[in-house]
Amino acid sequence: ARKIGIFVATWNMQGKKDLPDNLEDFLLPPDDDFVHDMYVIGIQEGCPDRREWEACLQETLGPHYVLLHSAAHGVLYLSVFIRRDLIWFCSEVEYATVTTRIMSQIKTKGALG
């Protein structure tokens, strides 16, 4: 059996259209000896272009990580990155979304995973 380190974070960007200037302080550990195997990053009310957001995450994490899966539910985004050398241990990703508003066309409240 092998233990893996998983970094999980989520935050509400409060409708800001611009991407953060620097994600390194947030995502990368200050101790070079500790490296996360997987990153699970969720945002709410963030950048309107999910692909641009994922590219920003990929650029911050570097070439040793690949996007395993991403999902969107209105303005909720979830991105899962994994170390490139671990991708061979992964199977097909399953996911689901749930809307918690009465009017399901407005997707600002809910969950995805």
C-alpha atoms as a PDB file:
ATOM      1  CA  ALA A   1       0.000   0.000   0.000  1.00  0.00           C
ATOM      2  CA  ARG A   2       1.149   3.511  -0.764  1.00  0.00           C
ATOM      3  CA  LYS A   3       0.130   6.727   0.946  1.00  0.00           C
ATOM      4  CA  ILE A   4      -0.564   9.774  -1.188  1.00  0.00           C
ATOM      5  CA  GLY A   5      -0.691  13.446  -0.312  1.00  0.00           C
ATOM      6  CA  ILE A   6      -3.821  15.259  -1.492  1.00  0.00           C
ATOM      7  CA  PHE A   7      -4.205  19.042  -1.480  1.00  0.00           C
ATOM      8  CA  VAL A   8      -7.881  20.102  -1.377  1.00  0.00           C
ATOM      9  CA  ALA A   9      -8.971  23.731  -1.556  1.00  0.00           C
ATOM     10  CA  THR A  10     -12.003  25.753  -2.516  1.00  0.00           C
ATOM     11  CA  TRP A  11     -12.839  29.411  -2.434  1.00  0.00           C
ATOM     12  CA  ASN A  12     -15.403  31.898  -3.621  1.00  0.00           C
ATOM     13  CA  MET A  13     -13.848  34.427  -5.986  1.00  0.00           C
ATOM     14  CA  GLN A  14     -16.925  36.670  -5.611  1.00  0.00           C
ATOM     15  CA  GLY A  15     -17.446  37.179  -9.321  1.00  0.00           C
ATOM     16  CA  LYS A  16     -13.960  38.497 -10.095  1.00  0.00           C
ATOM     17  CA  LYS A  17     -13.389  38.125 -13.820  1.00  0.00           C
ATOM     18  CA  ASP A  18      -9.596  38.291 -13.666  1.00  0.00           C
ATOM     19  CA  LEU A  19      -7.438  35.348 -12.735  1.00  0.00           C
ATOM     20  CA  PRO A  20      -5.292  35.695  -9.607  1.00  0.00           C
ATOM     21  CA  ASP A  21      -1.843  37.142 -10.317  1.00  0.00           C
ATOM     22  CA  ASN A  22      -0.010  34.459  -8.399  1.00  0.00           C
ATOM     23  CA  LEU A  23      -1.200  31.030  -7.267  1.00  0.00           C
ATOM     24  CA  GLU A  24       2.207  29.712  -6.174  1.00  0.00           C
ATOM     25  CA  ASP A  25       1.875  30.879  -2.552  1.00  0.00           C
ATOM     26  CA  PHE A  26      -1.490  29.181  -2.354  1.00  0.00           C
ATOM     27  CA  LEU A  27      -0.782  25.889  -4.167  1.00  0.00           C
ATOM     28  CA  LEU A  28       2.880  25.089  -3.768  1.00  0.00           C
ATOM     29  CA  PRO A  29       4.308  23.969  -0.411  1.00  0.00           C
ATOM     30  CA  PRO A  30       7.082  26.118   1.068  1.00  0.00           C
ATOM     31  CA  ASP A  31       9.020  22.936   1.869  1.00  0.00           C
ATOM     32  CA  ASP A  32      10.507  21.457  -1.308  1.00  0.00           C
ATOM     33  CA  ASP A  33      10.791  18.067   0.405  1.00  0.00           C
ATOM     34  CA  PHE A  34       7.006  17.692   0.496  1.00  0.00           C
ATOM     35  CA  VAL A  35       5.200  17.372  -2.812  1.00  0.00           C
ATOM     36  CA  HIS A  36       1.476  16.703  -3.144  1.00  0.00           C
ATOM     37  CA  ASP A  37       0.473  13.776  -5.331  1.00  0.00           C
ATOM     38  CA  MET A  38      -2.931  15.199  -6.190  1.00  0.00           C
ATOM     39  CA  TYR A  39      -4.581  18.621  -6.233  1.00  0.00           C
ATOM     40  CA  VAL A  40      -8.373  19.005  -5.997  1.00  0.00           C
ATOM     41  CA  ILE A  41      -9.269  22.659  -6.519  1.00  0.00           C
ATOM     42  CA  GLY A  42     -12.757  24.099  -6.535  1.00  0.00           C
ATOM     43  CA  ILE A  43     -13.886  27.660  -7.119  1.00  0.00           C
ATOM     44  CA  GLN A  44     -17.188  29.453  -7.034  1.00  0.00           C
ATOM     45  CA  GLU A  45     -18.113  32.577  -8.994  1.00  0.00           C
ATOM     46  CA  GLY A  46     -14.691  32.789 -10.611  1.00  0.00           C
ATOM     47  CA  CYS A  47     -13.187  33.304 -14.039  1.00  0.00           C
ATOM     48  CA  PRO A  48     -15.875  32.966 -16.732  1.00  0.00           C
ATOM     49  CA  ASP A  49     -13.549  30.860 -18.911  1.00  0.00           C
ATOM     50  CA  ARG A  50     -12.952  27.487 -17.240  1.00  0.00           C
ATOM     51  CA  ARG A  51     -10.233  26.524 -19.744  1.00  0.00           C
ATOM     52  CA  GLU A  52      -8.296  29.702 -18.949  1.00  0.00           C
ATOM     53  CA  TRP A  53      -8.551  28.867 -15.238  1.00  0.00           C
ATOM     54  CA  GLU A  54      -7.301  25.318 -15.827  1.00  0.00           C
ATOM     55  CA  ALA A  55      -4.396  26.618 -17.920  1.00  0.00           C
ATOM     56  CA  CYS A  56      -3.438  28.955 -15.055  1.00  0.00           C
ATOM     57  CA  LEU A  57      -3.499  26.035 -12.611  1.00  0.00           C
ATOM     58  CA  GLN A  58      -1.440  23.865 -14.985  1.00  0.00           C
ATOM     59  CA  GLU A  59       1.123  26.621 -15.441  1.00  0.00           C
ATOM     60  CA  THR A  60       1.451  27.032 -11.668  1.00  0.00           C
ATOM     61  CA  LEU A  61       1.730  23.293 -10.950  1.00  0.00           C
ATOM     62  CA  GLY A  62       4.152  22.677 -13.816  1.00  0.00           C
ATOM     63  CA  PRO A  63       4.741  19.804 -16.240  1.00  0.00           C
ATOM     64  CA  HIS A  64       4.916  17.122 -13.537  1.00  0.00           C
ATOM     65  CA  TYR A  65       1.118  17.318 -13.117  1.00  0.00           C
ATOM     66  CA  VAL A  66      -1.682  16.526 -15.542  1.00  0.00           C
ATOM     67  CA  LEU A  67      -5.363  17.399 -15.456  1.00  0.00           C
ATOM     68  CA  LEU A  68      -7.107  14.163 -14.506  1.00  0.00           C
ATOM     69  CA  HIS A  69     -10.619  15.592 -14.570  1.00  0.00           C
ATOM     70  CA  SER A  70     -12.525  18.840 -14.525  1.00  0.00           C
ATOM     71  CA  ALA A  71     -16.192  19.587 -14.110  1.00  0.00           C
ATOM     72  CA  ALA A  72     -18.384  22.661 -14.143  1.00  0.00           C
ATOM     73  CA  HIS A  73     -21.856  23.375 -12.856  1.00  0.00           C
ATOM     74  CA  GLY A  74     -22.764  26.921 -13.748  1.00  0.00           C
ATOM     75  CA  VAL A  75     -20.191  29.077 -11.950  1.00  0.00           C
ATOM     76  CA  LEU A  76     -18.850  26.170  -9.854  1.00  0.00           C
ATOM     77  CA  TYR A  77     -15.618  24.649 -11.185  1.00  0.00           C
ATOM     78  CA  LEU A  78     -13.700  21.619  -9.953  1.00  0.00           C
ATOM     79  CA  SER A  79     -10.263  20.671 -11.276  1.00  0.00           C
ATOM     80  CA  VAL A  80      -8.331  17.539 -10.304  1.00  0.00           C
ATOM     81  CA  PHE A  81      -4.625  17.354 -11.120  1.00  0.00           C
ATOM     82  CA  ILE A  82      -2.415  14.347 -10.448  1.00  0.00           C
ATOM     83  CA  ARG A  83       1.308  13.745 -10.672  1.00  0.00           C
ATOM     84  CA  ARG A  84       2.125  12.580 -14.168  1.00  0.00           C
ATOM     85  CA  ASP A  85       3.817   9.390 -12.961  1.00  0.00           C
ATOM     86  CA  LEU A  86       0.646   8.341 -11.081  1.00  0.00           C
ATOM     87  CA  ILE A  87      -1.807   8.702 -13.976  1.00  0.00           C
ATOM     88  CA  TRP A  88      -1.380   5.028 -14.870  1.00  0.00           C
ATOM     89  CA  PHE A  89      -2.963   4.034 -11.556  1.00  0.00           C
ATOM     90  CA  CYS A  90      -6.192   5.922 -12.315  1.00  0.00           C
ATOM     91  CA  SER A  91      -9.332   4.600 -13.922  1.00  0.00           C
ATOM     92  CA  GLU A  92     -12.149   6.482 -15.625  1.00  0.00           C
ATOM     93  CA  VAL A  93     -13.375   9.344 -13.467  1.00  0.00           C
ATOM     94  CA  GLU A  94     -17.024   9.428 -12.447  1.00  0.00           C
ATOM     95  CA  TYR A  95     -18.739  12.616 -11.382  1.00  0.00           C
ATOM     96  CA  ALA A  96     -22.132  14.111 -10.623  1.00  0.00           C
ATOM     97  CA  THR A  97     -23.707  17.535 -10.149  1.00  0.00           C
ATOM     98  CA  VAL A  98     -26.587  18.629  -7.931  1.00  0.00           C
ATOM     99  CA  THR A  99     -28.535  21.877  -8.181  1.00  0.00           C
ATOM    100  CA  THR A 100     -29.967  23.138  -4.902  1.00  0.00           C
ATOM    101  CA  ARG A 101     -31.988  26.091  -6.209  1.00  0.00           C
ATOM    102  CA  ILE A 102     -35.679  25.886  -6.934  1.00  0.00           C
ATOM    103  CA  MET A 103     -35.057  27.179 -10.455  1.00  0.00           C
ATOM    104  CA  SER A 104     -32.497  24.708 -11.808  1.00  0.00           C
ATOM    105  CA  GLN A 105     -31.545  26.951 -14.756  1.00  0.00           C
ATOM    106  CA  ILE A 106     -29.645  29.250 -12.376  1.00  0.00           C
ATOM    107  CA  LYS A 107     -26.574  27.274 -11.369  1.00  0.00           C
ATOM    108  CA  THR A 108     -25.020  29.331  -8.578  1.00  0.00           C
ATOM    109  CA  LYS A 109     -25.920  27.000  -5.723  1.00  0.00           C
ATOM    110  CA  GLY A 110     -25.241  23.295  -5.733  1.00  0.00           C
ATOM    111  CA  ALA A 111     -22.447  20.785  -5.717  1.00  0.00           C
ATOM    112  CA  LEU A 112     -20.227  18.854  -8.057  1.00  0.00           C
ATOM    113  CA  GLY A 113     -17.792  16.114  -7.403  1.00  0.00           C
END
